[in-house]
């Protein structure tokens, strides 16, 4: 059984990687991206909750009269 010649594998793999890199760079550089995207201003709507319109009194256990 003859021996497999692997002497050219390194240059084949390296040249394939370089070719793929160049092709991806060309593909990406052909895309048109917005130069400076403007931020979208979001307006927050404040909803009225029923408990916001009334005052609630919260009693601390220490302020309660002793029983």
N, C-alpha and C. Protein backbone atom coordinates (compact mmCIF):
# COMPACT_ATOMS: atom_id res chain seq x y z
N UNK A 1 0.85 -1.18 0.00
CA UNK A 1 0.00 0.00 0.00
C UNK A 1 0.89 1.24 0.00
N UNK A 2 0.67 2.16 -0.95
CA UNK A 2 1.56 3.32 -1.02
C UNK A 2 1.30 4.30 0.12
N UNK A 3 2.32 5.04 0.43
CA UNK A 3 2.23 6.04 1.50
C UNK A 3 1.50 7.28 0.97
N UNK A 4 0.67 7.90 1.83
CA UNK A 4 -0.06 9.10 1.42
C UNK A 4 0.87 10.29 1.51
N UNK A 5 0.95 11.03 0.42
CA UNK A 5 1.86 12.18 0.38
C UNK A 5 1.15 13.39 1.00
N UNK A 6 1.62 13.83 2.15
CA UNK A 6 1.00 14.95 2.85
C UNK A 6 1.85 16.21 2.79
N UNK A 7 2.82 16.25 1.91
CA UNK A 7 3.73 17.39 1.87
C UNK A 7 3.03 18.66 1.36
N UNK A 8 1.98 18.53 0.58
CA UNK A 8 1.32 19.71 0.02
C UNK A 8 0.10 20.13 0.83
N UNK A 9 -0.22 19.41 1.88
CA UNK A 9 -1.41 19.75 2.65
C UNK A 9 -1.31 21.10 3.32
N UNK A 10 -0.17 21.41 3.85
CA UNK A 10 -0.02 22.67 4.57
C UNK A 10 -0.30 23.86 3.65
N UNK A 11 0.33 23.89 2.50
CA UNK A 11 0.14 25.03 1.58
C UNK A 11 -1.28 25.05 1.03
N UNK A 12 -1.89 23.90 0.87
CA UNK A 12 -3.28 23.84 0.39
C UNK A 12 -4.24 24.41 1.42
N UNK A 13 -4.05 24.03 2.67
CA UNK A 13 -4.94 24.52 3.73
C UNK A 13 -4.73 26.01 3.95
N UNK A 14 -3.49 26.46 3.97
CA UNK A 14 -3.22 27.88 4.18
C UNK A 14 -3.76 28.72 3.04
N UNK A 15 -3.57 28.26 1.82
CA UNK A 15 -4.08 29.04 0.68
C UNK A 15 -5.61 29.05 0.66
N UNK A 16 -6.23 27.96 1.09
CA UNK A 16 -7.69 27.93 1.17
C UNK A 16 -8.20 28.91 2.23
N UNK A 17 -7.52 28.95 3.37
CA UNK A 17 -7.94 29.88 4.42
C UNK A 17 -7.76 31.33 3.98
N UNK A 18 -6.67 31.62 3.32
CA UNK A 18 -6.45 32.99 2.84
C UNK A 18 -7.50 33.37 1.80
N UNK A 19 -7.81 32.43 0.92
CA UNK A 19 -8.84 32.70 -0.10
C UNK A 19 -10.20 32.94 0.55
N UNK A 20 -10.54 32.12 1.54
CA UNK A 20 -11.82 32.32 2.23
C UNK A 20 -11.85 33.65 2.96
N UNK A 21 -10.75 34.01 3.58
CA UNK A 21 -10.69 35.28 4.28
C UNK A 21 -10.89 36.44 3.30
N UNK A 22 -10.24 36.39 2.16
CA UNK A 22 -10.37 37.47 1.17
C UNK A 22 -11.79 37.53 0.62
N UNK A 23 -12.38 36.37 0.37
CA UNK A 23 -13.75 36.37 -0.14
C UNK A 23 -14.73 36.94 0.87
N UNK A 24 -14.57 36.59 2.14
CA UNK A 24 -15.46 37.14 3.17
C UNK A 24 -15.24 38.64 3.34
N UNK A 25 -14.01 39.08 3.24
CA UNK A 25 -13.74 40.51 3.35
C UNK A 25 -14.40 41.26 2.20
N UNK A 26 -14.31 40.73 1.01
CA UNK A 26 -14.94 41.38 -0.14
C UNK A 26 -16.46 41.38 -0.01
N UNK A 27 -17.00 40.28 0.49
CA UNK A 27 -18.45 40.22 0.66
C UNK A 27 -18.93 41.21 1.71
N UNK A 28 -18.21 41.30 2.81
CA UNK A 28 -18.60 42.22 3.87
C UNK A 28 -18.42 43.68 3.44
N UNK A 29 -17.35 43.95 2.71
CA UNK A 29 -17.10 45.34 2.30
C UNK A 29 -18.09 45.82 1.25
N UNK A 30 -18.75 44.90 0.57
CA UNK A 30 -19.75 45.32 -0.42
C UNK A 30 -21.08 45.68 0.22
N UNK A 31 -21.25 45.35 1.50
CA UNK A 31 -22.50 45.67 2.19
C UNK A 31 -22.53 47.15 2.53
N UNK A 32 -23.71 47.70 2.51
CA UNK A 32 -23.89 49.11 2.87
C UNK A 32 -24.48 49.18 4.26
N UNK A 33 -23.72 49.75 5.18
CA UNK A 33 -24.17 49.91 6.55
C UNK A 33 -24.43 51.38 6.82
N UNK A 34 -25.39 51.71 7.66
CA UNK A 34 -25.60 53.13 7.99
C UNK A 34 -24.39 53.68 8.74
N UNK A 35 -23.99 54.87 8.38
CA UNK A 35 -22.78 55.44 8.97
C UNK A 35 -22.99 55.83 10.42
N UNK A 36 -24.03 56.61 10.67
CA UNK A 36 -24.28 57.01 12.05
C UNK A 36 -25.77 56.84 12.35
N UNK A 37 -26.15 55.78 12.95
CA UNK A 37 -27.56 55.58 13.27
C UNK A 37 -28.00 56.55 14.36
N UNK A 38 -29.14 57.14 14.15
CA UNK A 38 -29.63 58.07 15.15
C UNK A 38 -30.43 57.30 16.20
N UNK A 39 -30.24 57.62 17.46
CA UNK A 39 -30.98 56.91 18.50
C UNK A 39 -32.46 57.26 18.46
N UNK A 40 -33.25 56.29 18.67
CA UNK A 40 -34.70 56.49 18.66
C UNK A 40 -35.14 56.92 20.05
N UNK A 41 -35.85 58.00 20.12
CA UNK A 41 -36.31 58.48 21.41
C UNK A 41 -37.60 57.76 21.79
N UNK A 42 -37.59 57.20 22.94
CA UNK A 42 -38.76 56.48 23.43
C UNK A 42 -39.44 57.33 24.49
N UNK A 43 -40.72 57.51 24.34
CA UNK A 43 -41.47 58.25 25.35
C UNK A 43 -42.14 57.24 26.27
N UNK A 44 -41.87 57.38 27.53
CA UNK A 44 -42.48 56.47 28.49
C UNK A 44 -43.82 57.04 28.94
N UNK A 45 -44.81 56.21 28.87
CA UNK A 45 -46.14 56.60 29.30
C UNK A 45 -46.33 56.20 30.75
N UNK A 46 -46.67 57.18 31.58
CA UNK A 46 -46.88 56.90 32.99
C UNK A 46 -48.32 56.49 33.20
N UNK A 47 -48.50 55.31 33.70
CA UNK A 47 -49.85 54.83 33.95
C UNK A 47 -50.20 55.11 35.41
N UNK A 48 -51.43 55.45 35.61
CA UNK A 48 -51.90 55.73 36.97
C UNK A 48 -52.39 54.44 37.61
N UNK A 49 -51.78 54.11 38.70
CA UNK A 49 -52.22 52.95 39.46
C UNK A 49 -53.17 53.43 40.56
N UNK A 50 -54.11 52.60 40.96
CA UNK A 50 -55.08 53.05 41.96
C UNK A 50 -54.42 53.38 43.30
N UNK A 51 -53.33 52.71 43.63
CA UNK A 51 -52.72 52.98 44.92
C UNK A 51 -51.83 54.21 44.90
N UNK A 52 -51.58 54.78 43.72
CA UNK A 52 -50.75 55.98 43.66
C UNK A 52 -51.56 57.24 44.00
N UNK A 53 -52.85 57.16 43.83
CA UNK A 53 -53.66 58.37 44.06
C UNK A 53 -54.00 58.55 45.54
N UNK A 54 -53.88 57.53 46.37
CA UNK A 54 -54.20 57.68 47.78
C UNK A 54 -52.95 57.48 48.62
N UNK A 55 -53.00 58.07 49.78
CA UNK A 55 -51.91 57.90 50.73
C UNK A 55 -52.18 56.66 51.55
N UNK A 56 -51.17 55.91 51.73
CA UNK A 56 -51.32 54.74 52.60
C UNK A 56 -50.41 54.92 53.79
N UNK A 57 -50.87 54.50 54.91
CA UNK A 57 -50.09 54.63 56.12
C UNK A 57 -49.53 53.26 56.46
N UNK A 58 -48.23 53.22 56.60
CA UNK A 58 -47.56 51.97 56.93
C UNK A 58 -47.10 52.07 58.37
N UNK A 59 -47.56 51.15 59.18
CA UNK A 59 -47.21 51.15 60.60
C UNK A 59 -46.00 50.27 60.83
N UNK A 60 -45.04 50.83 61.47
CA UNK A 60 -43.89 50.04 61.87
C UNK A 60 -44.25 49.33 63.17
N UNK A 61 -43.77 48.12 63.35
CA UNK A 61 -44.11 47.41 64.60
C UNK A 61 -43.61 48.14 65.85
N UNK A 62 -42.55 48.91 65.72
CA UNK A 62 -42.02 49.60 66.86
C UNK A 62 -42.85 50.83 67.24
N UNK A 63 -43.60 51.38 66.28
CA UNK A 63 -44.39 52.57 66.58
C UNK A 63 -45.80 52.24 67.09
N UNK A 64 -46.16 50.99 67.08
CA UNK A 64 -47.48 50.60 67.58
C UNK A 64 -47.48 50.66 69.10
N UNK A 65 -48.62 50.94 69.68
CA UNK A 65 -48.68 50.95 71.16
C UNK A 65 -48.46 49.55 71.70
N UNK A 66 -47.86 49.43 72.83
CA UNK A 66 -47.64 48.09 73.40
C UNK A 66 -48.96 47.43 73.81
N UNK A 67 -49.01 46.18 73.66
CA UNK A 67 -50.25 45.45 73.98
C UNK A 67 -50.09 44.59 75.20
